[in-house]
Amino acid sequence: MAQLRDFVQGQRAEVIALLEENDQPVLADVYRRAPMPDLGLAKKFAPYFDSAPAGQ
């Protein structure tokens, strides 16, 4: 997950610039304001994942 976060963060400026160049200022602004992935997500939901029946 950390690799994904680092990749997304590293590409962020380029993606925003490409969106703006292609007349997508609203999408560029949304992407600019989007939060980075929460690396603690799996830990936060562990109690739910651990209690789910196998194969669900």
N, C-alpha and C. Protein backbone atom coordinates (compact mmCIF):
# COMPACT_ATOMS: atom_id res chain seq x y z
N MET A 1 0.82 -1.18 0.00
CA MET A 1 0.00 0.00 0.00
C MET A 1 0.87 1.26 0.00
N ALA A 2 1.99 1.20 0.71
CA ALA A 2 2.88 2.37 0.75
C ALA A 2 3.46 2.65 -0.63
N GLN A 3 3.74 1.60 -1.39
CA GLN A 3 4.26 1.80 -2.75
C GLN A 3 3.22 2.50 -3.62
N LEU A 4 1.97 2.10 -3.48
CA LEU A 4 0.89 2.73 -4.25
C LEU A 4 0.76 4.20 -3.87
N ARG A 5 0.77 4.48 -2.58
CA ARG A 5 0.66 5.87 -2.12
C ARG A 5 1.81 6.71 -2.67
N ASP A 6 3.02 6.19 -2.59
CA ASP A 6 4.18 6.92 -3.08
C ASP A 6 4.10 7.16 -4.58
N PHE A 7 3.61 6.16 -5.33
CA PHE A 7 3.46 6.31 -6.77
C PHE A 7 2.43 7.39 -7.09
N VAL A 8 1.27 7.32 -6.45
CA VAL A 8 0.21 8.30 -6.69
C VAL A 8 0.71 9.70 -6.34
N GLN A 9 1.38 9.83 -5.23
CA GLN A 9 1.89 11.13 -4.81
C GLN A 9 2.95 11.64 -5.80
N GLY A 10 3.78 10.76 -6.30
CA GLY A 10 4.82 11.15 -7.25
C GLY A 10 4.27 11.59 -8.60
N GLN A 11 3.11 11.06 -8.98
CA GLN A 11 2.50 11.39 -10.28
C GLN A 11 1.49 12.52 -10.19
N ARG A 12 1.17 12.95 -9.00
CA ARG A 12 0.08 13.90 -8.77
C ARG A 12 0.21 15.18 -9.60
N ALA A 13 1.37 15.84 -9.54
CA ALA A 13 1.55 17.11 -10.26
C ALA A 13 1.38 16.92 -11.77
N GLU A 14 1.93 15.83 -12.29
CA GLU A 14 1.83 15.57 -13.73
C GLU A 14 0.38 15.32 -14.14
N VAL A 15 -0.34 14.56 -13.35
CA VAL A 15 -1.74 14.27 -13.66
C VAL A 15 -2.56 15.56 -13.65
N ILE A 16 -2.34 16.39 -12.67
CA ILE A 16 -3.06 17.67 -12.58
C ILE A 16 -2.76 18.53 -13.80
N ALA A 17 -1.50 18.62 -14.17
CA ALA A 17 -1.11 19.42 -15.34
C ALA A 17 -1.76 18.87 -16.62
N LEU A 18 -1.78 17.55 -16.78
CA LEU A 18 -2.39 16.95 -17.96
C LEU A 18 -3.90 17.21 -18.01
N LEU A 19 -4.55 17.13 -16.88
CA LEU A 19 -5.98 17.43 -16.84
C LEU A 19 -6.26 18.87 -17.23
N GLU A 20 -5.45 19.79 -16.71
CA GLU A 20 -5.64 21.20 -17.06
C GLU A 20 -5.36 21.46 -18.53
N GLU A 21 -4.31 20.84 -19.07
CA GLU A 21 -3.97 21.00 -20.49
C GLU A 21 -5.07 20.47 -21.40
N ASN A 22 -5.82 19.50 -20.92
CA ASN A 22 -6.89 18.89 -21.72
C ASN A 22 -8.26 19.44 -21.36
N ASP A 23 -8.28 20.70 -20.92
CA ASP A 23 -9.54 21.40 -20.63
C ASP A 23 -10.43 20.67 -19.62
N GLN A 24 -9.79 20.16 -18.56
CA GLN A 24 -10.52 19.49 -17.48
C GLN A 24 -10.19 20.15 -16.14
N PRO A 25 -10.43 21.46 -16.01
CA PRO A 25 -10.04 22.16 -14.78
C PRO A 25 -10.79 21.66 -13.53
N VAL A 26 -12.01 21.23 -13.71
CA VAL A 26 -12.79 20.75 -12.55
C VAL A 26 -12.17 19.44 -12.03
N LEU A 27 -11.87 18.52 -12.95
CA LEU A 27 -11.24 17.26 -12.53
C LEU A 27 -9.86 17.51 -11.92
N ALA A 28 -9.12 18.45 -12.49
CA ALA A 28 -7.81 18.79 -11.95
C ALA A 28 -7.93 19.30 -10.52
N ASP A 29 -8.93 20.13 -10.28
CA ASP A 29 -9.14 20.68 -8.94
C ASP A 29 -9.56 19.58 -7.96
N VAL A 30 -10.42 18.68 -8.39
CA VAL A 30 -10.84 17.56 -7.54
C VAL A 30 -9.63 16.70 -7.19
N TYR A 31 -8.82 16.39 -8.18
CA TYR A 31 -7.63 15.57 -7.95
C TYR A 31 -6.65 16.28 -7.02
N ARG A 32 -6.53 17.59 -7.19
CA ARG A 32 -5.63 18.39 -6.36
C ARG A 32 -6.07 18.34 -4.89
N ARG A 33 -7.37 18.36 -4.67
CA ARG A 33 -7.89 18.39 -3.29
C ARG A 33 -8.10 17.00 -2.68
N ALA A 34 -7.96 15.96 -3.48
CA ALA A 34 -8.19 14.60 -2.99
C ALA A 34 -7.12 14.22 -1.96
N PRO A 35 -7.55 13.58 -0.88
CA PRO A 35 -6.57 13.15 0.13
C PRO A 35 -5.75 11.96 -0.37
N MET A 36 -4.61 11.78 0.22
CA MET A 36 -3.77 10.64 -0.10
C MET A 36 -4.36 9.39 0.57
N PRO A 37 -4.09 8.20 0.02
CA PRO A 37 -4.61 6.97 0.62
C PRO A 37 -4.18 6.82 2.08
N ASP A 38 -5.10 6.35 2.90
CA ASP A 38 -4.84 6.13 4.31
C ASP A 38 -4.21 4.76 4.48
N LEU A 39 -2.94 4.74 4.88
CA LEU A 39 -2.23 3.46 5.02
C LEU A 39 -2.70 2.66 6.22
N GLY A 40 -3.41 3.26 7.13
CA GLY A 40 -3.89 2.56 8.31
C GLY A 40 -5.27 1.95 8.12
N LEU A 41 -5.78 1.99 6.89
CA LEU A 41 -7.13 1.51 6.62
C LEU A 41 -7.33 0.04 6.99
N ALA A 42 -6.41 -0.81 6.59
CA ALA A 42 -6.54 -2.24 6.89
C ALA A 42 -6.55 -2.47 8.40
N LYS A 43 -5.73 -1.72 9.12
CA LYS A 43 -5.67 -1.86 10.57
C LYS A 43 -6.99 -1.42 11.22
N LYS A 44 -7.57 -0.34 10.71
CA LYS A 44 -8.82 0.17 11.25
C LYS A 44 -9.97 -0.82 11.07
N PHE A 45 -9.96 -1.53 9.94
CA PHE A 45 -11.04 -2.46 9.65
C PHE A 45 -10.71 -3.90 10.01
N ALA A 46 -9.55 -4.15 10.59
CA ALA A 46 -9.14 -5.51 10.95
C ALA A 46 -10.18 -6.25 11.77
N PRO A 47 -10.81 -5.61 12.78
CA PRO A 47 -11.82 -6.34 13.55
C PRO A 47 -12.97 -6.86 12.68
N TYR A 48 -13.35 -6.10 11.67
CA TYR A 48 -14.43 -6.53 10.79
C TYR A 48 -13.96 -7.64 9.86
N PHE A 49 -12.76 -7.46 9.29
CA PHE A 49 -12.23 -8.48 8.38
C PHE A 49 -11.99 -9.79 9.12
N ASP A 50 -11.48 -9.70 10.35
CA ASP A 50 -11.16 -10.90 11.12
C ASP A 50 -12.41 -11.68 11.52
N SER A 51 -13.53 -10.97 11.66
CA SER A 51 -14.76 -11.65 12.10
C SER A 51 -15.62 -12.13 10.93
N ALA A 52 -15.27 -11.77 9.71
CA ALA A 52 -16.05 -12.18 8.55
C ALA A 52 -15.84 -13.68 8.29
N PRO A 53 -16.90 -14.38 7.89
CA PRO A 53 -16.75 -15.79 7.56
C PRO A 53 -15.77 -15.98 6.41
N ALA A 54 -15.05 -17.06 6.42
CA ALA A 54 -14.09 -17.37 5.37
C ALA A 54 -14.78 -17.42 4.02
N GLY A 55 -14.14 -16.86 3.01
CA GLY A 55 -14.69 -16.89 1.66
C GLY A 55 -15.73 -15.82 1.38
N GLN A 56 -15.95 -14.94 2.30
CA GLN A 56 -16.95 -13.88 2.10
C GLN A 56 -16.32 -12.62 1.59
